[in-house]
Amino acid sequence: MDTLTTPRLDLLPLDADGARRILAGGPAADRPRCPGYPDAGDRAGAERYLRVLAASGDPAPFGAYEILRRADGTVIGGAGFHGPADGTGRVTIGYGLVPAARGRGHATEALRALVEHARRHGATAVLGDTDRGNTASRRVMAAAGMRLVGEDARLAHYAVTWTPAADSS
């Protein structure tokens, strides 16, 4: 998988060794990290990525990433897909930033990159959810072009969908 680049961030692809380093409490590679990285969400994402690798092999192009702030080369969180697209082309995303990096638009920037990456690679939809009370995450998904598609007792569910392009061959 390639690095996804935004105006301020690089989303660095995760591999199995990097995921194991995150589970052990460090960044995927030798680079500076914000205090608090990795947190429980980052470790859960690394664990999910390793389960996907074991169950079905490399999910590329729908893998996991570390979020690097280019201004200072610091890892500030993680983002990625929960696995390969399902039979209808839908992928599910997750993301998280350390508290010190929140409130600056980084999560929206990273999520927009993931949504565009999914679209370019043939996904028909990107799905995500957050706790109903997590206003900041709800705003991030809306700012990235996702819309609220439902709520249950605990979660707010978001999605962005596309009509598959006609085959031009």
N, C-alpha and C. Protein backbone atom coordinates (compact mmCIF):
# COMPACT_ATOMS: atom_id res chain seq x y z
N MET A 1 0.84 -1.18 0.00
CA MET A 1 0.00 0.00 0.00
C MET A 1 0.88 1.24 0.00
N ASP A 2 0.37 2.28 -0.59
CA ASP A 2 1.09 3.54 -0.66
C ASP A 2 0.72 4.45 0.50
N THR A 3 1.63 5.37 0.81
CA THR A 3 1.34 6.42 1.78
C THR A 3 0.27 7.33 1.19
N LEU A 4 -0.72 7.69 2.00
CA LEU A 4 -1.73 8.66 1.59
C LEU A 4 -1.27 10.02 2.10
N THR A 5 -1.25 11.00 1.22
CA THR A 5 -0.73 12.31 1.57
C THR A 5 -1.84 13.36 1.49
N THR A 6 -1.91 14.20 2.50
CA THR A 6 -2.84 15.32 2.55
C THR A 6 -1.99 16.58 2.71
N PRO A 7 -2.60 17.76 2.74
CA PRO A 7 -1.79 18.97 2.90
C PRO A 7 -0.88 18.96 4.13
N ARG A 8 -1.33 18.37 5.24
CA ARG A 8 -0.53 18.41 6.47
C ARG A 8 -0.11 17.07 7.02
N LEU A 9 -0.63 15.99 6.44
CA LEU A 9 -0.45 14.67 7.03
C LEU A 9 0.07 13.66 6.02
N ASP A 10 0.72 12.63 6.54
CA ASP A 10 0.99 11.41 5.79
C ASP A 10 0.32 10.29 6.55
N LEU A 11 -0.46 9.48 5.84
CA LEU A 11 -1.03 8.27 6.42
C LEU A 11 -0.13 7.14 5.97
N LEU A 12 0.63 6.60 6.92
CA LEU A 12 1.67 5.61 6.63
C LEU A 12 1.10 4.21 6.77
N PRO A 13 1.20 3.40 5.70
CA PRO A 13 0.62 2.06 5.75
C PRO A 13 1.24 1.20 6.85
N LEU A 14 0.40 0.43 7.47
CA LEU A 14 0.82 -0.48 8.52
C LEU A 14 1.10 -1.85 7.92
N ASP A 15 2.09 -2.53 8.45
CA ASP A 15 2.32 -3.93 8.09
C ASP A 15 2.27 -4.75 9.38
N ALA A 16 2.44 -6.04 9.26
CA ALA A 16 2.31 -6.91 10.43
C ALA A 16 3.32 -6.56 11.52
N ASP A 17 4.57 -6.30 11.15
CA ASP A 17 5.57 -5.95 12.16
C ASP A 17 5.21 -4.65 12.86
N GLY A 18 4.74 -3.66 12.10
CA GLY A 18 4.33 -2.40 12.69
C GLY A 18 3.15 -2.58 13.63
N ALA A 19 2.20 -3.40 13.24
CA ALA A 19 1.04 -3.66 14.10
C ALA A 19 1.49 -4.30 15.42
N ARG A 20 2.43 -5.23 15.34
CA ARG A 20 2.95 -5.85 16.56
C ARG A 20 3.68 -4.84 17.45
N ARG A 21 4.41 -3.89 16.83
CA ARG A 21 5.07 -2.85 17.62
C ARG A 21 4.05 -1.97 18.32
N ILE A 22 2.94 -1.66 17.64
CA ILE A 22 1.88 -0.85 18.27
C ILE A 22 1.29 -1.61 19.45
N LEU A 23 1.04 -2.92 19.28
CA LEU A 23 0.51 -3.72 20.38
C LEU A 23 1.46 -3.73 21.58
N ALA A 24 2.77 -3.64 21.28
CA ALA A 24 3.77 -3.63 22.35
C ALA A 24 3.93 -2.23 22.97
N GLY A 25 3.22 -1.23 22.44
CA GLY A 25 3.24 0.09 23.05
C GLY A 25 4.06 1.14 22.34
N GLY A 26 4.54 0.85 21.14
CA GLY A 26 5.33 1.85 20.42
C GLY A 26 4.72 2.19 19.09
N PRO A 27 5.33 3.12 18.36
CA PRO A 27 4.87 3.40 17.01
C PRO A 27 5.29 2.27 16.08
N ALA A 28 4.71 2.21 14.89
CA ALA A 28 5.00 1.13 13.95
C ALA A 28 6.45 1.14 13.50
N ALA A 29 7.07 2.29 13.45
CA ALA A 29 8.48 2.40 13.06
C ALA A 29 9.16 3.40 13.98
N ASP A 30 10.45 3.56 13.81
CA ASP A 30 11.22 4.45 14.67
C ASP A 30 10.96 5.90 14.27
N ARG A 31 9.96 6.49 14.92
CA ARG A 31 9.64 7.90 14.68
C ARG A 31 9.05 8.48 15.95
N PRO A 32 9.14 9.80 16.10
CA PRO A 32 8.58 10.41 17.31
C PRO A 32 7.07 10.24 17.36
N ARG A 33 6.53 10.25 18.57
CA ARG A 33 5.08 10.11 18.74
C ARG A 33 4.61 11.06 19.83
N CYS A 34 3.37 11.48 19.68
CA CYS A 34 2.76 12.33 20.71
C CYS A 34 2.55 11.50 21.97
N PRO A 35 2.63 12.15 23.14
CA PRO A 35 2.29 11.42 24.37
C PRO A 35 0.88 10.84 24.26
N GLY A 36 0.74 9.61 24.71
CA GLY A 36 -0.55 8.94 24.65
C GLY A 36 -0.72 8.03 23.45
N TYR A 37 0.25 8.06 22.52
CA TYR A 37 0.18 7.17 21.37
C TYR A 37 1.13 6.01 21.58
N PRO A 38 0.71 4.80 21.34
CA PRO A 38 -0.64 4.38 20.97
C PRO A 38 -1.54 4.25 22.20
N ASP A 39 -2.82 4.49 21.97
CA ASP A 39 -3.79 4.31 23.05
C ASP A 39 -4.56 3.01 22.82
N ALA A 40 -5.57 2.77 23.62
CA ALA A 40 -6.33 1.52 23.52
C ALA A 40 -6.98 1.37 22.14
N GLY A 41 -7.45 2.47 21.56
CA GLY A 41 -8.05 2.41 20.22
C GLY A 41 -7.03 2.04 19.16
N ASP A 42 -5.81 2.57 19.27
CA ASP A 42 -4.75 2.23 18.32
C ASP A 42 -4.36 0.76 18.44
N ARG A 43 -4.28 0.28 19.68
CA ARG A 43 -3.95 -1.13 19.88
C ARG A 43 -5.07 -2.03 19.35
N ALA A 44 -6.33 -1.62 19.55
CA ALA A 44 -7.45 -2.40 19.02
C ALA A 44 -7.41 -2.42 17.49
N GLY A 45 -7.06 -1.29 16.87
CA GLY A 45 -6.94 -1.25 15.42
C GLY A 45 -5.82 -2.14 14.92
N ALA A 46 -4.68 -2.15 15.61
CA ALA A 46 -3.57 -3.01 15.23
C ALA A 46 -3.95 -4.48 15.38
N GLU A 47 -4.65 -4.79 16.45
CA GLU A 47 -5.10 -6.16 16.67
C GLU A 47 -6.08 -6.60 15.59
N ARG A 48 -7.01 -5.71 15.22
CA ARG A 48 -7.97 -6.01 14.15
C ARG A 48 -7.23 -6.26 12.83
N TYR A 49 -6.25 -5.41 12.54
CA TYR A 49 -5.46 -5.56 11.31
C TYR A 49 -4.77 -6.93 11.29
N LEU A 50 -4.18 -7.33 12.40
CA LEU A 50 -3.50 -8.64 12.45
C LEU A 50 -4.51 -9.78 12.28
N ARG A 51 -5.72 -9.65 12.84
CA ARG A 51 -6.75 -10.68 12.65
C ARG A 51 -7.14 -10.79 11.18
N VAL A 52 -7.30 -9.64 10.51
CA VAL A 52 -7.64 -9.65 9.08
C VAL A 52 -6.52 -10.33 8.29
N LEU A 53 -5.28 -9.99 8.59
CA LEU A 53 -4.15 -10.64 7.90
C LEU A 53 -4.19 -12.15 8.08
N ALA A 54 -4.45 -12.59 9.30
CA ALA A 54 -4.46 -14.03 9.57
C ALA A 54 -5.65 -14.72 8.90
N ALA A 55 -6.79 -14.05 8.86
CA ALA A 55 -8.00 -14.68 8.33
C ALA A 55 -8.07 -14.67 6.81
N SER A 56 -7.65 -13.57 6.20
CA SER A 56 -7.86 -13.46 4.74
C SER A 56 -6.69 -12.88 3.99
N GLY A 57 -5.56 -12.67 4.65
CA GLY A 57 -4.40 -12.12 3.96
C GLY A 57 -4.43 -10.60 3.91
N ASP A 58 -3.53 -10.05 3.16
CA ASP A 58 -3.38 -8.60 3.06
C ASP A 58 -4.65 -7.96 2.52
N PRO A 59 -5.24 -7.02 3.26
CA PRO A 59 -6.48 -6.40 2.82
C PRO A 59 -6.28 -5.26 1.82
N ALA A 60 -5.04 -5.03 1.39
CA ALA A 60 -4.74 -3.92 0.48
C ALA A 60 -5.73 -3.93 -0.69
N PRO A 61 -6.21 -2.78 -1.07
CA PRO A 61 -5.80 -1.44 -0.67
C PRO A 61 -6.52 -0.91 0.57
N PHE A 62 -7.22 -1.77 1.29
CA PHE A 62 -8.03 -1.31 2.44
C PHE A 62 -7.39 -1.74 3.75
N GLY A 63 -6.21 -1.20 4.01
CA GLY A 63 -5.46 -1.54 5.21
C GLY A 63 -5.55 -0.48 6.29
N ALA A 64 -4.57 -0.51 7.17
CA ALA A 64 -4.51 0.39 8.32
C ALA A 64 -3.30 1.32 8.18
N TYR A 65 -3.38 2.47 8.85
CA TYR A 65 -2.36 3.51 8.72
C TYR A 65 -2.06 4.15 10.07
N GLU A 66 -0.84 4.64 10.20
CA GLU A 66 -0.51 5.57 11.26
C GLU A 66 -0.61 6.97 10.67
N ILE A 67 -1.05 7.93 11.48
CA ILE A 67 -1.18 9.31 11.02
C ILE A 67 0.04 10.09 11.50
N LEU A 68 0.80 10.60 10.54
CA LEU A 68 2.01 11.36 10.82
C LEU A 68 1.77 12.83 10.48
N ARG A 69 2.04 13.71 11.42
CA ARG A 69 1.97 15.15 11.18
C ARG A 69 3.31 15.55 10.55
N ARG A 70 3.26 15.97 9.29
CA ARG A 70 4.50 16.26 8.56
C ARG A 70 5.28 17.44 9.14
N ALA A 71 4.61 18.43 9.74
CA ALA A 71 5.31 19.62 10.24
C ALA A 71 6.43 19.26 11.21
N ASP A 72 6.23 18.22 12.02
CA ASP A 72 7.26 17.84 12.98
C ASP A 72 7.60 16.35 12.94
N GLY A 73 7.01 15.60 12.00
CA GLY A 73 7.32 14.18 11.86
C GLY A 73 6.79 13.31 12.98
N THR A 74 5.78 13.79 13.69
CA THR A 74 5.26 13.09 14.86
C THR A 74 4.03 12.25 14.52
N VAL A 75 3.99 11.03 15.04
CA VAL A 75 2.80 10.19 14.91
C VAL A 75 1.77 10.69 15.90
N ILE A 76 0.56 10.99 15.39
CA ILE A 76 -0.48 11.58 16.24
C ILE A 76 -1.71 10.69 16.37
N GLY A 77 -1.71 9.54 15.69
CA GLY A 77 -2.87 8.65 15.80
C GLY A 77 -2.87 7.59 14.72
N GLY A 78 -4.02 6.98 14.55
CA GLY A 78 -4.17 5.92 13.56
C GLY A 78 -5.51 6.02 12.87
N ALA A 79 -5.57 5.43 11.69
CA ALA A 79 -6.81 5.42 10.91
C ALA A 79 -6.72 4.26 9.94
N GLY A 80 -7.86 3.85 9.43
CA GLY A 80 -7.81 2.81 8.42
C GLY A 80 -9.13 2.10 8.26
N PHE A 81 -9.07 1.08 7.46
CA PHE A 81 -10.23 0.27 7.13
C PHE A 81 -10.24 -0.95 8.04
N HIS A 82 -11.42 -1.43 8.35
CA HIS A 82 -11.56 -2.59 9.23
C HIS A 82 -11.31 -3.90 8.49
N GLY A 83 -11.05 -3.83 7.20
CA GLY A 83 -10.78 -5.01 6.40
C GLY A 83 -11.13 -4.73 4.95
N PRO A 84 -11.04 -5.74 4.13
CA PRO A 84 -11.36 -5.55 2.71
C PRO A 84 -12.83 -5.23 2.50
N ALA A 85 -13.15 -4.79 1.31
CA ALA A 85 -14.55 -4.49 0.96
C ALA A 85 -15.38 -5.76 1.05
N ASP A 86 -16.65 -5.59 1.44
CA ASP A 86 -17.55 -6.74 1.48
C ASP A 86 -18.04 -7.04 0.05
N GLY A 87 -18.93 -7.99 -0.09
CA GLY A 87 -19.40 -8.43 -1.40
C GLY A 87 -20.10 -7.37 -2.21
N THR A 88 -20.55 -6.30 -1.56
CA THR A 88 -21.20 -5.21 -2.29
C THR A 88 -20.29 -4.00 -2.45
N GLY A 89 -19.04 -4.13 -2.02
CA GLY A 89 -18.08 -3.04 -2.19
C GLY A 89 -18.01 -2.05 -1.05
N ARG A 90 -18.64 -2.37 0.08
CA ARG A 90 -18.63 -1.47 1.23
C ARG A 90 -17.42 -1.73 2.12
N VAL A 91 -16.83 -0.65 2.63
CA VAL A 91 -15.73 -0.74 3.59
C VAL A 91 -16.11 0.06 4.83
N THR A 92 -15.54 -0.35 5.96
CA THR A 92 -15.78 0.33 7.23
C THR A 92 -14.47 0.96 7.69
N ILE A 93 -14.56 2.17 8.23
CA ILE A 93 -13.37 2.90 8.67
C ILE A 93 -13.39 3.13 10.17
N GLY A 94 -12.21 3.44 10.67
CA GLY A 94 -12.04 3.88 12.04
C GLY A 94 -10.88 4.84 12.09
N TYR A 95 -10.84 5.69 13.10
CA TYR A 95 -9.76 6.65 13.23
C TYR A 95 -9.70 7.14 14.66
N GLY A 96 -8.55 7.66 15.03
CA GLY A 96 -8.40 8.24 16.35
C GLY A 96 -7.12 9.04 16.44
N LEU A 97 -7.17 10.10 17.20
CA LEU A 97 -6.00 10.95 17.44
C LEU A 97 -5.74 11.04 18.93
N VAL A 98 -4.48 11.26 19.29
CA VAL A 98 -4.17 11.52 20.69
C VAL A 98 -4.81 12.85 21.09
N PRO A 99 -5.17 13.03 22.35
CA PRO A 99 -5.83 14.27 22.76
C PRO A 99 -5.09 15.54 22.36
N ALA A 100 -3.76 15.54 22.43
CA ALA A 100 -2.99 16.75 22.11
C ALA A 100 -3.12 17.17 20.65
N ALA A 101 -3.53 16.27 19.78
CA ALA A 101 -3.63 16.57 18.35
C ALA A 101 -5.06 16.88 17.91
N ARG A 102 -6.00 16.78 18.82
CA ARG A 102 -7.41 16.98 18.46
C ARG A 102 -7.75 18.47 18.33
N GLY A 103 -8.84 18.73 17.60
CA GLY A 103 -9.35 20.08 17.48
C GLY A 103 -8.64 20.95 16.45
N ARG A 104 -7.84 20.34 15.60
CA ARG A 104 -7.09 21.09 14.59
C ARG A 104 -7.43 20.67 13.16
N GLY A 105 -8.46 19.82 13.02
CA GLY A 105 -8.86 19.37 11.69
C GLY A 105 -8.09 18.19 11.15
N HIS A 106 -7.18 17.62 11.94
CA HIS A 106 -6.39 16.48 11.45
C HIS A 106 -7.25 15.24 11.20
N ALA A 107 -8.20 14.96 12.08
CA ALA A 107 -9.04 13.78 11.90
C ALA A 107 -9.87 13.91 10.62
N THR A 108 -10.43 15.08 10.38
CA THR A 108 -11.21 15.29 9.15
C THR A 108 -10.33 15.13 7.93
N GLU A 109 -9.13 15.68 7.98
CA GLU A 109 -8.19 15.58 6.86
C GLU A 109 -7.83 14.12 6.58
N ALA A 110 -7.57 13.36 7.63
CA ALA A 110 -7.23 11.94 7.47
C ALA A 110 -8.42 11.16 6.93
N LEU A 111 -9.61 11.42 7.48
CA LEU A 111 -10.80 10.69 7.04
C LEU A 111 -11.12 11.01 5.59
N ARG A 112 -10.99 12.26 5.18
CA ARG A 112 -11.23 12.61 3.77
C ARG A 112 -10.28 11.83 2.87
N ALA A 113 -9.03 11.69 3.28
CA ALA A 113 -8.07 10.92 2.48
C ALA A 113 -8.51 9.46 2.37
N LEU A 114 -8.99 8.88 3.47
CA LEU A 114 -9.45 7.49 3.43
C LEU A 114 -10.68 7.33 2.54
N VAL A 115 -11.61 8.26 2.63
CA VAL A 115 -12.82 8.20 1.81
C VAL A 115 -12.45 8.28 0.34
N GLU A 116 -11.59 9.22 -0.02
CA GLU A 116 -11.18 9.35 -1.42
C GLU A 116 -10.42 8.12 -1.89
N HIS A 117 -9.57 7.58 -1.04
CA HIS A 117 -8.82 6.36 -1.36
C HIS A 117 -9.79 5.21 -1.65
N ALA A 118 -10.80 5.08 -0.81
CA ALA A 118 -11.80 4.01 -1.01
C ALA A 118 -12.53 4.20 -2.34
N ARG A 119 -12.93 5.42 -2.64
CA ARG A 119 -13.63 5.70 -3.88
C ARG A 119 -12.75 5.35 -5.09
N ARG A 120 -11.48 5.80 -5.04
CA ARG A 120 -10.54 5.53 -6.15
C ARG A 120 -10.32 4.03 -6.35
N HIS A 121 -10.44 3.26 -5.29
CA HIS A 121 -10.17 1.82 -5.38
C HIS A 121 -11.44 0.99 -5.50
N GLY A 122 -12.52 1.62 -5.92
CA GLY A 122 -13.71 0.87 -6.30
C GLY A 122 -14.73 0.59 -5.21
N ALA A 123 -14.53 1.12 -4.02
CA ALA A 123 -15.54 0.91 -2.98
C ALA A 123 -16.84 1.60 -3.39
N THR A 124 -17.95 1.02 -3.00
CA THR A 124 -19.25 1.64 -3.27
C THR A 124 -19.75 2.46 -2.09
N ALA A 125 -19.17 2.23 -0.92
CA ALA A 125 -19.58 2.98 0.27
C ALA A 125 -18.49 2.89 1.33
N VAL A 126 -18.43 3.93 2.15
CA VAL A 126 -17.59 3.93 3.35
C VAL A 126 -18.54 4.11 4.53
N LEU A 127 -18.43 3.21 5.48
CA LEU A 127 -19.28 3.21 6.68
C LEU A 127 -18.44 3.52 7.90
N GLY A 128 -19.05 4.15 8.88
CA GLY A 128 -18.38 4.42 10.15
C GLY A 128 -19.42 4.64 11.23
N ASP A 129 -19.00 4.52 12.46
CA ASP A 129 -19.92 4.81 13.56
C ASP A 129 -19.15 5.42 14.71
N THR A 130 -19.89 6.02 15.61
CA THR A 130 -19.32 6.61 16.80
C THR A 130 -20.35 6.58 17.91
N ASP A 131 -19.89 6.70 19.13
CA ASP A 131 -20.83 6.81 20.25
C ASP A 131 -21.75 8.00 19.99
N ARG A 132 -23.01 7.84 20.32
CA ARG A 132 -23.99 8.90 20.05
C ARG A 132 -23.58 10.23 20.65
N GLY A 133 -22.95 10.20 21.80
CA GLY A 133 -22.56 11.44 22.47
C GLY A 133 -21.24 12.03 22.02
N ASN A 134 -20.56 11.39 21.08
CA ASN A 134 -19.26 11.88 20.63
C ASN A 134 -19.46 12.92 19.52
N THR A 135 -19.79 14.12 19.95
CA THR A 135 -20.09 15.21 19.01
C THR A 135 -18.92 15.49 18.08
N ALA A 136 -17.70 15.47 18.59
CA ALA A 136 -16.54 15.77 17.76
C ALA A 136 -16.40 14.76 16.63
N SER A 137 -16.54 13.48 16.91
CA SER A 137 -16.42 12.46 15.88
C SER A 137 -17.57 12.57 14.88
N ARG A 138 -18.73 12.89 15.35
CA ARG A 138 -19.87 13.08 14.45
C ARG A 138 -19.58 14.23 13.49
N ARG A 139 -19.00 15.31 13.98
CA ARG A 139 -18.64 16.44 13.12
C ARG A 139 -17.56 16.06 12.12
N VAL A 140 -16.60 15.25 12.55
CA VAL A 140 -15.53 14.81 11.64
C VAL A 140 -16.13 14.03 10.47
N MET A 141 -16.99 13.07 10.76
CA MET A 141 -17.58 12.28 9.68
C MET A 141 -18.42 13.14 8.75
N ALA A 142 -19.19 14.06 9.30
CA ALA A 142 -19.99 14.94 8.46
C ALA A 142 -19.08 15.83 7.60
N ALA A 143 -18.02 16.36 8.17
CA ALA A 143 -17.10 17.21 7.42
C ALA A 143 -16.37 16.45 6.32
N ALA A 144 -16.23 15.14 6.50
CA ALA A 144 -15.57 14.30 5.49
C ALA A 144 -16.55 13.83 4.42
N GLY A 145 -17.79 14.30 4.48
CA GLY A 145 -18.77 13.97 3.45
C GLY A 145 -19.68 12.81 3.77
N MET A 146 -19.56 12.28 4.97
CA MET A 146 -20.42 11.18 5.38
C MET A 146 -21.71 11.75 5.96
N ARG A 147 -22.79 11.01 5.83
CA ARG A 147 -24.06 11.49 6.38
C ARG A 147 -24.59 10.49 7.39
N LEU A 148 -25.33 11.01 8.34
CA LEU A 148 -25.96 10.17 9.35
C LEU A 148 -27.00 9.30 8.67
N VAL A 149 -26.89 7.98 8.85
CA VAL A 149 -27.85 7.06 8.22
C VAL A 149 -28.68 6.30 9.25
N GLY A 150 -28.38 6.47 10.53
CA GLY A 150 -29.16 5.81 11.56
C GLY A 150 -28.50 5.91 12.91
N GLU A 151 -29.29 5.62 13.94
CA GLU A 151 -28.79 5.59 15.31
C GLU A 151 -29.44 4.43 16.02
N ASP A 152 -28.72 3.87 16.97
CA ASP A 152 -29.31 2.89 17.86
C ASP A 152 -29.09 3.39 19.28
N ALA A 153 -29.29 2.57 20.25
CA ALA A 153 -29.20 3.02 21.64
C ALA A 153 -27.81 3.55 21.98
N ARG A 154 -26.78 3.06 21.31
CA ARG A 154 -25.41 3.42 21.66
C ARG A 154 -24.68 4.20 20.58
N LEU A 155 -24.94 3.89 19.30
CA LEU A 155 -24.10 4.41 18.21
C LEU A 155 -24.87 5.26 17.21
N ALA A 156 -24.14 6.18 16.61
CA ALA A 156 -24.61 6.93 15.45
C ALA A 156 -23.86 6.35 14.24
N HIS A 157 -24.59 5.98 13.20
CA HIS A 157 -24.01 5.32 12.02
C HIS A 157 -23.97 6.31 10.86
N TYR A 158 -22.82 6.38 10.20
CA TYR A 158 -22.59 7.30 9.09
C TYR A 158 -22.17 6.51 7.85
N ALA A 159 -22.42 7.12 6.68
CA ALA A 159 -22.01 6.48 5.42
C ALA A 159 -21.87 7.54 4.34
N VAL A 160 -21.04 7.23 3.39
CA VAL A 160 -20.98 7.94 2.12
C VAL A 160 -21.03 6.86 1.05
N THR A 161 -21.82 7.07 0.02
CA THR A 161 -21.97 6.06 -1.03
C THR A 161 -21.76 6.71 -2.39
N TRP A 162 -21.42 5.85 -3.36
CA TRP A 162 -21.26 6.28 -4.74
C TRP A 162 -21.98 5.31 -5.64
N THR A 163 -22.39 5.80 -6.77
CA THR A 163 -22.90 4.92 -7.81
C THR A 163 -21.68 4.39 -8.54
N PRO A 164 -21.55 3.08 -8.69
CA PRO A 164 -20.38 2.55 -9.38
C PRO A 164 -20.30 3.12 -10.80
N ALA A 165 -19.09 3.48 -11.19
CA ALA A 165 -18.87 4.01 -12.53
C ALA A 165 -19.11 2.92 -13.56
N ALA A 166 -19.68 3.31 -14.70
CA ALA A 166 -19.90 2.36 -15.78
C ALA A 166 -18.55 1.91 -16.33
N ASP A 167 -18.45 0.68 -16.73
CA ASP A 167 -17.22 0.13 -17.30
C ASP A 167 -16.96 0.86 -18.62
N SER A 168 -15.80 1.46 -18.73
CA SER A 168 -15.47 2.24 -19.93
C SER A 168 -14.67 1.45 -20.94
N SER A 169 -14.51 0.15 -20.73
CA SER A 169 -13.71 -0.62 -21.68
C SER A 169 -14.52 -1.08 -22.87
